[in-house]
Amino acid sequence: MQETTRMVEYGVPIDAKTMIEPPDAAELELEPGHPGLGDIGYVQRRQELFALCRRHRLERLGPPLIDYTPEETRIWREVSPKLDELHQKHASRIYLNAKKTLGISQAEIPQLRHLSARLERETRMHLVPAEGPLPYRTFYSYIADRGFPVTQFIRHGSHPEFTPEPDMIHDCLGHVPSLMNQDYAELLTLIGKAVVTTPHPEQVHALKRFSWFSIEFGLIQEDNETKIFGAGILSSTGEIPFSLSKDVKRRPFVTNEVIETDYDPSRMQDLLFIIPSFAFLRREIELLVKRFGIPVS
């Protein structure tokens, strides 16, 4: 794979250098059209949590304990039962079994410090406080050390069914349960080691797309049924039914096609790939890392 100075991401050209040397935003940045932009109280709360969690991340202090507001708890209590009902019908076995074992409350927002301690005992994973969306290589550099960055803010109450950025609901009800599965944890760790080891931006870019269409927005085949595997789908009451609807193109997961496919993270995903099995996914990432010549142990 030859290196280039430009590549396309989210439909626009980017400097390939950002894949290897990602920016590190020191202040809260809400994207245009974010539902919380006009809400002064929401923005102030986000700024407070941003500063607190960023300090805890950079100083490696572990997740801070958060005193969640009644409004944040209300949103959690509204979304959690709706998601659970959809999970029971459509989520993959890996996710459902892990979620049952972890036992996250639908009534109270969990404290990441307590979830982290549980994961450490079960799979040697731990949770890293994240102030907001982290660049891909930064995110997976923590995973290479068996840490999973997790946000501690809640989406805006005007659109509880969807969030344009990872929040507590996305992370804790999408990603965290599957970390209780040892095989899933090892898969993530392998991707993390590959991402942080390679010096080639095109390889980081390819691994990012592989992760997007599997870990974030993957479907999986189980007992002749298509089930939901990716955390981005599992954490959205709108995305779950949409992902299985006639409005979405669903293709077999072919790694060469996946890593050449661009996507737009700001909207519902209308192209998804179906993974035939978890063993297949593990084998595919191992083969990709080997093909790239990335020395991981």
C-alpha atoms as a PDB file:
ATOM      1  CA  MET A   1       0.000   0.000   0.000  1.00  0.00           C
ATOM      2  CA  GLN A   2       1.627   3.250  -1.153  1.00  0.00           C
ATOM      3  CA  GLU A   3       1.443   6.323   0.991  1.00  0.00           C
ATOM      4  CA  THR A   4      -0.311   9.435  -0.272  1.00  0.00           C
ATOM      5  CA  THR A   5      -0.675  12.885   1.240  1.00  0.00           C
ATOM      6  CA  ARG A   6      -4.457  13.111   0.695  1.00  0.00           C
ATOM      7  CA  MET A   7      -7.309  10.721   1.307  1.00  0.00           C
ATOM      8  CA  VAL A   8     -11.084  10.950   1.435  1.00  0.00           C
ATOM      9  CA  GLU A   9     -13.072  10.654   4.657  1.00  0.00           C
ATOM     10  CA  TYR A  10     -16.779  11.422   5.106  1.00  0.00           C
ATOM     11  CA  GLY A  11     -16.877  12.495   1.464  1.00  0.00           C
ATOM     12  CA  VAL A  12     -14.198  15.195   1.691  1.00  0.00           C
ATOM     13  CA  PRO A  13     -10.408  15.164   1.150  1.00  0.00           C
ATOM     14  CA  ILE A  14      -8.309  15.135   4.325  1.00  0.00           C
ATOM     15  CA  ASP A  15      -4.621  15.364   5.115  1.00  0.00           C
ATOM     16  CA  ALA A  16      -3.405  11.793   5.605  1.00  0.00           C
ATOM     17  CA  LYS A  17      -1.107  13.022   8.391  1.00  0.00           C
ATOM     18  CA  THR A  18      -4.137  13.435  10.675  1.00  0.00           C
ATOM     19  CA  MET A  19      -4.527   9.646  10.704  1.00  0.00           C
ATOM     20  CA  ILE A  20      -1.105   9.281  12.339  1.00  0.00           C
ATOM     21  CA  GLU A  21      -0.924  12.562  14.270  1.00  0.00           C
ATOM     22  CA  PRO A  22      -4.555  13.253  15.199  1.00  0.00           C
ATOM     23  CA  PRO A  23      -5.645  16.635  16.590  1.00  0.00           C
ATOM     24  CA  ASP A  24      -6.439  16.917  20.285  1.00  0.00           C
ATOM     25  CA  ALA A  25      -9.290  19.344  20.932  1.00  0.00           C
ATOM     26  CA  ALA A  26      -8.746  21.195  24.204  1.00  0.00           C
ATOM     27  CA  GLU A  27     -12.201  22.785  24.256  1.00  0.00           C
ATOM     28  CA  LEU A  28     -15.742  21.569  23.681  1.00  0.00           C
ATOM     29  CA  GLU A  29     -16.848  21.749  20.047  1.00  0.00           C
ATOM     30  CA  LEU A  30     -20.470  20.945  19.190  1.00  0.00           C
ATOM     31  CA  GLU A  31     -21.004  20.372  15.494  1.00  0.00           C
ATOM     32  CA  PRO A  32     -23.391  22.578  13.453  1.00  0.00           C
ATOM     33  CA  GLY A  33     -26.961  21.425  13.873  1.00  0.00           C
ATOM     34  CA  HIS A  34     -26.310  19.784  17.253  1.00  0.00           C
ATOM     35  CA  PRO A  35     -29.641  19.730  19.171  1.00  0.00           C
ATOM     36  CA  GLY A  36     -28.044  21.242  22.270  1.00  0.00           C
ATOM     37  CA  LEU A  37     -26.457  24.271  20.618  1.00  0.00           C
ATOM     38  CA  GLY A  38     -29.173  26.754  21.630  1.00  0.00           C
ATOM     39  CA  ASP A  39     -29.527  25.385  25.166  1.00  0.00           C
ATOM     40  CA  ILE A  40     -27.257  27.456  27.419  1.00  0.00           C
ATOM     41  CA  GLY A  41     -27.672  25.134  30.410  1.00  0.00           C
ATOM     42  CA  TYR A  42     -26.844  22.059  28.337  1.00  0.00           C
ATOM     43  CA  VAL A  43     -23.743  23.671  26.808  1.00  0.00           C
ATOM     44  CA  GLN A  44     -22.508  24.781  30.232  1.00  0.00           C
ATOM     45  CA  ARG A  45     -22.987  21.271  31.640  1.00  0.00           C
ATOM     46  CA  ARG A  46     -21.134  19.794  28.677  1.00  0.00           C
ATOM     47  CA  GLN A  47     -18.255  22.237  29.183  1.00  0.00           C
ATOM     48  CA  GLU A  48     -17.978  21.279  32.863  1.00  0.00           C
ATOM     49  CA  LEU A  49     -17.938  17.552  32.106  1.00  0.00           C
ATOM     50  CA  PHE A  50     -15.537  18.104  29.208  1.00  0.00           C
ATOM     51  CA  ALA A  51     -12.968  19.793  31.457  1.00  0.00           C
ATOM     52  CA  LEU A  52     -13.363  17.248  34.266  1.00  0.00           C
ATOM     53  CA  CYS A  53     -13.151  14.138  32.085  1.00  0.00           C
ATOM     54  CA  ARG A  54     -10.325  15.503  29.952  1.00  0.00           C
ATOM     55  CA  ARG A  55      -8.238  16.115  33.067  1.00  0.00           C
ATOM     56  CA  HIS A  56      -8.973  12.640  34.384  1.00  0.00           C
ATOM     57  CA  ARG A  57      -8.048  11.114  31.007  1.00  0.00           C
ATOM     58  CA  LEU A  58      -4.778  12.996  30.534  1.00  0.00           C
ATOM     59  CA  GLU A  59      -3.702  12.545  34.158  1.00  0.00           C
ATOM     60  CA  ARG A  60      -4.798   8.880  34.121  1.00  0.00           C
ATOM     61  CA  LEU A  61      -6.967   9.343  37.197  1.00  0.00           C
ATOM     62  CA  GLY A  62      -9.683   6.899  36.123  1.00  0.00           C
ATOM     63  CA  PRO A  63     -13.359   7.778  35.693  1.00  0.00           C
ATOM     64  CA  PRO A  64     -14.612  10.521  38.035  1.00  0.00           C
ATOM     65  CA  LEU A  65     -17.827  10.000  39.991  1.00  0.00           C
ATOM     66  CA  ILE A  66     -20.580  12.158  38.474  1.00  0.00           C
ATOM     67  CA  ASP A  67     -23.621  13.593  40.235  1.00  0.00           C
ATOM     68  CA  TYR A  68     -26.153  13.303  37.422  1.00  0.00           C
ATOM     69  CA  THR A  69     -29.014  15.791  37.201  1.00  0.00           C
ATOM     70  CA  PRO A  70     -32.723  14.869  37.288  1.00  0.00           C
ATOM     71  CA  GLU A  71     -32.988  15.733  33.557  1.00  0.00           C
ATOM     72  CA  GLU A  72     -30.066  13.451  32.660  1.00  0.00           C
ATOM     73  CA  THR A  73     -31.575  10.653  34.738  1.00  0.00           C
ATOM     74  CA  ARG A  74     -34.945  11.203  33.071  1.00  0.00           C
ATOM     75  CA  ILE A  75     -33.416  10.760  29.612  1.00  0.00           C
ATOM     76  CA  TRP A  76     -31.601   7.595  30.734  1.00  0.00           C
ATOM     77  CA  ARG A  77     -34.815   6.155  32.199  1.00  0.00           C
ATOM     78  CA  GLU A  78     -36.722   6.996  29.021  1.00  0.00           C
ATOM     79  CA  VAL A  79     -34.237   5.488  26.583  1.00  0.00           C
ATOM     80  CA  SER A  80     -32.905   2.435  28.479  1.00  0.00           C
ATOM     81  CA  PRO A  81     -36.140   0.358  28.600  1.00  0.00           C
ATOM     82  CA  LYS A  82     -36.909   1.138  24.942  1.00  0.00           C
ATOM     83  CA  LEU A  83     -33.446   0.013  23.928  1.00  0.00           C
ATOM     84  CA  ASP A  84     -33.671  -3.138  26.031  1.00  0.00           C
ATOM     85  CA  GLU A  85     -36.925  -4.152  24.363  1.00  0.00           C
ATOM     86  CA  LEU A  86     -35.283  -3.769  20.953  1.00  0.00           C
ATOM     87  CA  HIS A  87     -32.141  -5.567  22.115  1.00  0.00           C
ATOM     88  CA  GLN A  88     -34.090  -8.638  23.191  1.00  0.00           C
ATOM     89  CA  LYS A  89     -35.513  -8.909  19.676  1.00  0.00           C
ATOM     90  CA  HIS A  90     -32.590  -7.909  17.508  1.00  0.00           C
ATOM     91  CA  ALA A  91     -29.204  -7.919  19.298  1.00  0.00           C
ATOM     92  CA  SER A  92     -26.525 -10.566  18.788  1.00  0.00           C
ATOM     93  CA  ARG A  93     -25.977 -13.331  21.340  1.00  0.00           C
ATOM     94  CA  ILE A  94     -22.550 -11.959  22.268  1.00  0.00           C
ATOM     95  CA  TYR A  95     -24.120  -8.670  23.262  1.00  0.00           C
ATOM     96  CA  LEU A  96     -27.204 -10.070  25.001  1.00  0.00           C
ATOM     97  CA  ASN A  97     -25.280 -12.577  27.117  1.00  0.00           C
ATOM     98  CA  ALA A  98     -22.715  -9.959  28.124  1.00  0.00           C
ATOM     99  CA  LYS A  99     -25.372  -7.368  28.906  1.00  0.00           C
ATOM    100  CA  LYS A 100     -27.240  -9.807  31.125  1.00  0.00           C
ATOM    101  CA  THR A 101     -24.048 -10.616  33.024  1.00  0.00           C
ATOM    102  CA  LEU A 102     -23.122  -6.968  33.504  1.00  0.00           C
ATOM    103  CA  GLY A 103     -26.608  -5.965  34.658  1.00  0.00           C
ATOM    104  CA  ILE A 104     -26.642  -2.205  34.008  1.00  0.00           C
ATOM    105  CA  SER A 105     -29.587  -0.515  35.721  1.00  0.00           C
ATOM    106  CA  GLN A 106     -32.374   1.030  33.663  1.00  0.00           C
ATOM    107  CA  ALA A 107     -33.286   3.322  36.567  1.00  0.00           C
ATOM    108  CA  GLU A 108     -29.961   4.948  37.415  1.00  0.00           C
ATOM    109  CA  ILE A 109     -27.066   6.102  35.243  1.00  0.00           C
ATOM    110  CA  PRO A 110     -24.109   3.858  36.088  1.00  0.00           C
ATOM    111  CA  GLN A 111     -20.849   5.199  37.436  1.00  0.00           C
ATOM    112  CA  LEU A 112     -17.992   4.322  35.105  1.00  0.00           C
ATOM    113  CA  ARG A 113     -15.634   3.760  38.011  1.00  0.00           C
ATOM    114  CA  HIS A 114     -17.775   0.854  39.214  1.00  0.00           C
ATOM    115  CA  LEU A 115     -18.259  -0.613  35.725  1.00  0.00           C
ATOM    116  CA  SER A 116     -14.532  -0.363  35.119  1.00  0.00           C
ATOM    117  CA  ALA A 117     -13.723  -2.360  38.244  1.00  0.00           C
ATOM    118  CA  ARG A 118     -16.156  -5.082  37.145  1.00  0.00           C
ATOM    119  CA  LEU A 119     -14.649  -5.314  33.669  1.00  0.00           C
ATOM    120  CA  GLU A 120     -11.146  -5.472  35.070  1.00  0.00           C
ATOM    121  CA  ARG A 121     -12.097  -8.532  37.087  1.00  0.00           C
ATOM    122  CA  GLU A 122     -13.822 -10.266  34.170  1.00  0.00           C
ATOM    123  CA  THR A 123     -11.720  -9.536  31.061  1.00  0.00           C
ATOM    124  CA  ARG A 124      -8.828  -7.325  32.227  1.00  0.00           C
ATOM    125  CA  MET A 125     -10.366  -4.371  30.373  1.00  0.00           C
ATOM    126  CA  HIS A 126     -10.900  -1.003  32.070  1.00  0.00           C
ATOM    127  CA  LEU A 127     -12.743   2.204  31.225  1.00  0.00           C
ATOM    128  CA  VAL A 128     -11.024   5.489  30.392  1.00  0.00           C
ATOM    129  CA  PRO A 129     -12.952   8.756  30.877  1.00  0.00           C
ATOM    130  CA  ALA A 130     -13.369  10.614  27.576  1.00  0.00           C
ATOM    131  CA  GLU A 131     -14.379  14.259  27.360  1.00  0.00           C
ATOM    132  CA  GLY A 132     -16.011  13.720  23.965  1.00  0.00           C
ATOM    133  CA  PRO A 133     -15.339  11.988  20.647  1.00  0.00           C
ATOM    134  CA  LEU A 134     -11.641  11.125  20.408  1.00  0.00           C
ATOM    135  CA  PRO A 135      -9.774  10.792  17.099  1.00  0.00           C
ATOM    136  CA  TYR A 136      -9.616   7.184  15.919  1.00  0.00           C
ATOM    137  CA  ARG A 137      -5.927   6.585  16.594  1.00  0.00           C
ATOM    138  CA  THR A 138      -6.121   8.243  20.012  1.00  0.00           C
ATOM    139  CA  PHE A 139      -9.181   6.150  20.871  1.00  0.00           C
ATOM    140  CA  TYR A 140      -7.582   2.865  19.874  1.00  0.00           C
ATOM    141  CA  SER A 141      -4.255   3.694  21.526  1.00  0.00           C
ATOM    142  CA  TYR A 142      -6.092   3.285  24.846  1.00  0.00           C
ATOM    143  CA  ILE A 143      -7.675   0.046  23.659  1.00  0.00           C
ATOM    144  CA  ALA A 144      -4.199  -1.299  22.823  1.00  0.00           C
ATOM    145  CA  ASP A 145      -3.551  -1.046  26.592  1.00  0.00           C
ATOM    146  CA  ARG A 146      -6.922  -2.695  27.338  1.00  0.00           C
ATOM    147  CA  GLY A 147      -8.620   0.608  28.148  1.00  0.00           C
ATOM    148  CA  PHE A 148     -11.892   1.659  26.533  1.00  0.00           C
ATOM    149  CA  PRO A 149     -12.636   5.413  26.376  1.00  0.00           C
ATOM    150  CA  VAL A 150     -16.183   6.192  27.507  1.00  0.00           C
ATOM    151  CA  THR A 151     -17.995   9.526  27.681  1.00  0.00           C
ATOM    152  CA  GLN A 152     -19.879  10.648  30.782  1.00  0.00           C
ATOM    153  CA  PHE A 153     -22.395  13.108  29.356  1.00  0.00           C
ATOM    154  CA  ILE A 154     -25.967  12.448  28.221  1.00  0.00           C
ATOM    155  CA  ARG A 155     -27.463  13.381  24.837  1.00  0.00           C
ATOM    156  CA  HIS A 156     -29.815  16.340  24.573  1.00  0.00           C
ATOM    157  CA  GLY A 157     -33.362  15.583  25.689  1.00  0.00           C
ATOM    158  CA  SER A 158     -34.974  16.946  22.509  1.00  0.00           C
ATOM    159  CA  HIS A 159     -33.674  13.991  20.472  1.00  0.00           C
ATOM    160  CA  PRO A 160     -33.269  11.035  22.855  1.00  0.00           C
ATOM    161  CA  GLU A 161     -33.602   8.487  20.027  1.00  0.00           C
ATOM    162  CA  PHE A 162     -30.339   9.530  18.353  1.00  0.00           C
ATOM    163  CA  THR A 163     -27.093  11.323  19.126  1.00  0.00           C
ATOM    164  CA  PRO A 164     -24.648  12.865  16.623  1.00  0.00           C
ATOM    165  CA  GLU A 165     -21.740  11.973  18.922  1.00  0.00           C
ATOM    166  CA  PRO A 166     -20.932   9.186  21.384  1.00  0.00           C
ATOM    167  CA  ASP A 167     -22.595   9.777  24.781  1.00  0.00           C
ATOM    168  CA  MET A 168     -23.171   7.708  27.926  1.00  0.00           C
ATOM    169  CA  ILE A 169     -26.094   5.867  26.339  1.00  0.00           C
ATOM    170  CA  HIS A 170     -24.073   5.026  23.218  1.00  0.00           C
ATOM    171  CA  ASP A 171     -21.081   3.895  25.232  1.00  0.00           C
ATOM    172  CA  CYS A 172     -22.665   2.160  28.229  1.00  0.00           C
ATOM    173  CA  LEU A 173     -25.579   0.527  26.405  1.00  0.00           C
ATOM    174  CA  GLY A 174     -23.754   0.041  23.094  1.00  0.00           C
ATOM    175  CA  HIS A 175     -20.080  -0.726  23.701  1.00  0.00           C
ATOM    176  CA  VAL A 176     -19.496  -1.574  27.356  1.00  0.00           C
ATOM    177  CA  PRO A 177     -21.612  -4.762  27.731  1.00  0.00           C
ATOM    178  CA  SER A 178     -19.699  -6.643  25.017  1.00  0.00           C
ATOM    179  CA  LEU A 179     -16.432  -5.896  26.830  1.00  0.00           C
ATOM    180  CA  MET A 180     -17.551  -8.579  29.298  1.00  0.00           C
ATOM    181  CA  ASN A 181     -16.941 -11.136  26.534  1.00  0.00           C
ATOM    182  CA  GLN A 182     -13.292 -12.256  26.526  1.00  0.00           C
ATOM    183  CA  ASP A 183     -13.167 -12.980  22.776  1.00  0.00           C
ATOM    184  CA  TYR A 184     -14.656  -9.574  21.969  1.00  0.00           C
ATOM    185  CA  ALA A 185     -12.140  -7.878  24.264  1.00  0.00           C
ATOM    186  CA  GLU A 186      -9.253  -9.655  22.535  1.00  0.00           C
ATOM    187  CA  LEU A 187     -10.552  -8.651  19.087  1.00  0.00           C
ATOM    188  CA  LEU A 188     -10.669  -5.001  20.113  1.00  0.00           C
ATOM    189  CA  THR A 189      -7.220  -5.173  21.679  1.00  0.00           C
ATOM    190  CA  LEU A 190      -5.761  -6.623  18.470  1.00  0.00           C
ATOM    191  CA  ILE A 191      -7.233  -3.771  16.416  1.00  0.00           C
ATOM    192  CA  GLY A 192      -5.890  -1.269  18.933  1.00  0.00           C
ATOM    193  CA  LYS A 193      -2.366  -2.680  18.792  1.00  0.00           C
ATOM    194  CA  ALA A 194      -2.426  -2.621  14.984  1.00  0.00           C
ATOM    195  CA  VAL A 195      -3.698   0.980  14.847  1.00  0.00           C
ATOM    196  CA  VAL A 196      -1.119   2.317  17.280  1.00  0.00           C
ATOM    197  CA  THR A 197       1.782   0.343  15.766  1.00  0.00           C
ATOM    198  CA  THR A 198       1.518   1.070  12.047  1.00  0.00           C
ATOM    199  CA  PRO A 199       3.271   4.209  10.726  1.00  0.00           C
ATOM    200  CA  HIS A 200       1.146   4.230   7.557  1.00  0.00           C
ATOM    201  CA  PRO A 201      -1.908   6.539   7.463  1.00  0.00           C
ATOM    202  CA  GLU A 202      -3.628   4.457   4.762  1.00  0.00           C
ATOM    203  CA  GLN A 203      -3.523   1.443   7.062  1.00  0.00           C
ATOM    204  CA  VAL A 204      -5.004   3.414   9.963  1.00  0.00           C
ATOM    205  CA  HIS A 205      -7.707   4.644   7.585  1.00  0.00           C
ATOM    206  CA  ALA A 206      -8.477   1.091   6.452  1.00  0.00           C
ATOM    207  CA  LEU A 207      -8.632  -0.178  10.030  1.00  0.00           C
ATOM    208  CA  LYS A 208     -10.975   2.692  10.901  1.00  0.00           C
ATOM    209  CA  ARG A 209     -13.391   1.632   8.165  1.00  0.00           C
ATOM    210  CA  PHE A 210     -13.082  -2.018   9.222  1.00  0.00           C
ATOM    211  CA  SER A 211     -13.997  -0.987  12.784  1.00  0.00           C
ATOM    212  CA  TRP A 212     -16.866   1.234  11.652  1.00  0.00           C
ATOM    213  CA  PHE A 213     -18.602  -1.478   9.644  1.00  0.00           C
ATOM    214  CA  SER A 214     -18.113  -4.110  12.371  1.00  0.00           C
ATOM    215  CA  ILE A 215     -17.610  -2.791  15.927  1.00  0.00           C
ATOM    216  CA  GLU A 216     -19.725   0.333  15.370  1.00  0.00           C
ATOM    217  CA  PHE A 217     -22.226  -0.529  12.617  1.00  0.00           C
ATOM    218  CA  GLY A 218     -21.906  -4.236  11.942  1.00  0.00           C
ATOM    219  CA  LEU A 219     -24.676  -6.780  11.449  1.00  0.00           C
ATOM    220  CA  ILE A 220     -24.071 -10.473  12.106  1.00  0.00           C
ATOM    221  CA  GLN A 221     -25.685 -13.701  10.962  1.00  0.00           C
ATOM    222  CA  GLU A 222     -27.033 -16.005  13.678  1.00  0.00           C
ATOM    223  CA  ASP A 223     -29.260 -19.046  13.080  1.00  0.00           C
ATOM    224  CA  ASN A 224     -30.240 -17.788   9.611  1.00  0.00           C
ATOM    225  CA  GLU A 225     -31.260 -14.420  11.053  1.00  0.00           C
ATOM    226  CA  THR A 226     -29.593 -11.041  10.747  1.00  0.00           C
ATOM    227  CA  LYS A 227     -28.797  -9.670  14.195  1.00  0.00           C
ATOM    228  CA  ILE A 228     -27.224  -6.415  15.339  1.00  0.00           C
ATOM    229  CA  PHE A 229     -23.588  -6.448  16.397  1.00  0.00           C
ATOM    230  CA  GLY A 230     -22.403  -2.827  16.230  1.00  0.00           C
ATOM    231  CA  ALA A 231     -22.630  -0.441  19.181  1.00  0.00           C
ATOM    232  CA  GLY A 232     -23.687   2.496  17.020  1.00  0.00           C
ATOM    233  CA  ILE A 233     -26.859   0.651  16.080  1.00  0.00           C
ATOM    234  CA  LEU A 234     -27.430  -0.944  19.487  1.00  0.00           C
ATOM    235  CA  SER A 235     -27.442   2.443  21.238  1.00  0.00           C
ATOM    236  CA  SER A 236     -30.107   4.073  19.056  1.00  0.00           C
ATOM    237  CA  THR A 237     -33.832   3.355  19.221  1.00  0.00           C
ATOM    238  CA  GLY A 238     -34.092   4.855  15.749  1.00  0.00           C
ATOM    239  CA  GLU A 239     -31.106   3.096  14.168  1.00  0.00           C
ATOM    240  CA  ILE A 240     -32.073  -0.442  15.290  1.00  0.00           C
ATOM    241  CA  PRO A 241     -35.305  -0.752  13.265  1.00  0.00           C
ATOM    242  CA  PHE A 242     -33.861   1.328  10.427  1.00  0.00           C
ATOM    243  CA  SER A 243     -30.824  -0.977  10.069  1.00  0.00           C
ATOM    244  CA  LEU A 244     -33.107  -3.953   9.386  1.00  0.00           C
ATOM    245  CA  SER A 245     -35.536  -2.086   7.117  1.00  0.00           C
ATOM    246  CA  LYS A 246     -35.890  -2.084   3.330  1.00  0.00           C
ATOM    247  CA  ASP A 247     -34.295   1.382   3.276  1.00  0.00           C
ATOM    248  CA  VAL A 248     -30.841  -0.075   4.009  1.00  0.00           C
ATOM    249  CA  LYS A 249     -28.579  -1.920   1.579  1.00  0.00           C
ATOM    250  CA  ARG A 250     -27.085  -4.949   3.319  1.00  0.00           C
ATOM    251  CA  ARG A 251     -24.092  -6.693   1.775  1.00  0.00           C
ATOM    252  CA  PRO A 252     -21.899  -9.620   2.798  1.00  0.00           C
ATOM    253  CA  PHE A 253     -18.871  -8.509   4.822  1.00  0.00           C
ATOM    254  CA  VAL A 254     -15.977  -8.592   2.338  1.00  0.00           C
ATOM    255  CA  THR A 255     -12.943  -6.961   3.915  1.00  0.00           C
ATOM    256  CA  ASN A 256     -11.501  -5.515   0.700  1.00  0.00           C
ATOM    257  CA  GLU A 257     -14.830  -3.838  -0.052  1.00  0.00           C
ATOM    258  CA  VAL A 258     -15.327  -2.677   3.537  1.00  0.00           C
ATOM    259  CA  ILE A 259     -11.977  -0.867   3.783  1.00  0.00           C
ATOM    260  CA  GLU A 260     -12.652   0.942   0.485  1.00  0.00           C
ATOM    261  CA  THR A 261     -16.128   2.142   1.544  1.00  0.00           C
ATOM    262  CA  ASP A 262     -16.595   5.681   2.859  1.00  0.00           C
ATOM    263  CA  TYR A 263     -19.434   6.634   5.222  1.00  0.00           C
ATOM    264  CA  ASP A 264     -21.124   9.626   6.839  1.00  0.00           C
ATOM    265  CA  PRO A 265     -21.288   9.316  10.661  1.00  0.00           C
ATOM    266  CA  SER A 266     -23.688  12.258  11.008  1.00  0.00           C
ATOM    267  CA  ARG A 267     -26.773  10.472   9.636  1.00  0.00           C
ATOM    268  CA  MET A 268     -28.568   7.129   9.667  1.00  0.00           C
ATOM    269  CA  GLN A 269     -26.511   4.481   7.898  1.00  0.00           C
ATOM    270  CA  ASP A 270     -28.067   3.223   4.660  1.00  0.00           C
ATOM    271  CA  LEU A 271     -25.289   0.755   3.777  1.00  0.00           C
ATOM    272  CA  LEU A 272     -24.304  -2.027   6.181  1.00  0.00           C
ATOM    273  CA  PHE A 273     -22.309  -5.252   5.959  1.00  0.00           C
ATOM    274  CA  ILE A 274     -23.355  -8.623   7.401  1.00  0.00           C
ATOM    275  CA  ILE A 275     -20.655 -10.578   9.236  1.00  0.00           C
ATOM    276  CA  PRO A 276     -21.221 -14.355   8.817  1.00  0.00           C
ATOM    277  CA  SER A 277     -19.857 -15.149  12.312  1.00  0.00           C
ATOM    278  CA  PHE A 278     -17.695 -13.727  15.075  1.00  0.00           C
ATOM    279  CA  ALA A 279     -14.976 -16.289  14.263  1.00  0.00           C
ATOM    280  CA  PHE A 280     -14.984 -14.977  10.689  1.00  0.00           C
ATOM    281  CA  LEU A 281     -14.532 -11.397  11.899  1.00  0.00           C
ATOM    282  CA  ARG A 282     -11.604 -12.371  14.115  1.00  0.00           C
ATOM    283  CA  ARG A 283      -9.960 -14.251  11.252  1.00  0.00           C
ATOM    284  CA  GLU A 284     -10.465 -11.335   8.862  1.00  0.00           C
ATOM    285  CA  ILE A 285      -8.800  -8.778  11.131  1.00  0.00           C
ATOM    286  CA  GLU A 286      -5.894 -11.176  11.764  1.00  0.00           C
ATOM    287  CA  LEU A 287      -5.434 -11.625   8.000  1.00  0.00           C
ATOM    288  CA  LEU A 288      -5.672  -7.883   7.370  1.00  0.00           C
ATOM    289  CA  VAL A 289      -3.070  -7.071  10.015  1.00  0.00           C
ATOM    290  CA  LYS A 290      -0.801  -9.775   8.580  1.00  0.00           C
ATOM    291  CA  ARG A 291      -1.285  -8.482   5.025  1.00  0.00           C
ATOM    292  CA  PHE A 292      -0.386  -4.966   6.168  1.00  0.00           C
ATOM    293  CA  GLY A 293       2.765  -6.347   7.811  1.00  0.00           C
ATOM    294  CA  ILE A 294       1.976  -4.736  11.160  1.00  0.00           C
ATOM    295  CA  PRO A 295       4.047  -6.403  13.918  1.00  0.00           C
ATOM    296  CA  VAL A 296       1.590  -7.033  16.772  1.00  0.00           C
ATOM    297  CA  SER A 297       2.012  -9.518  19.599  1.00  0.00           C
END
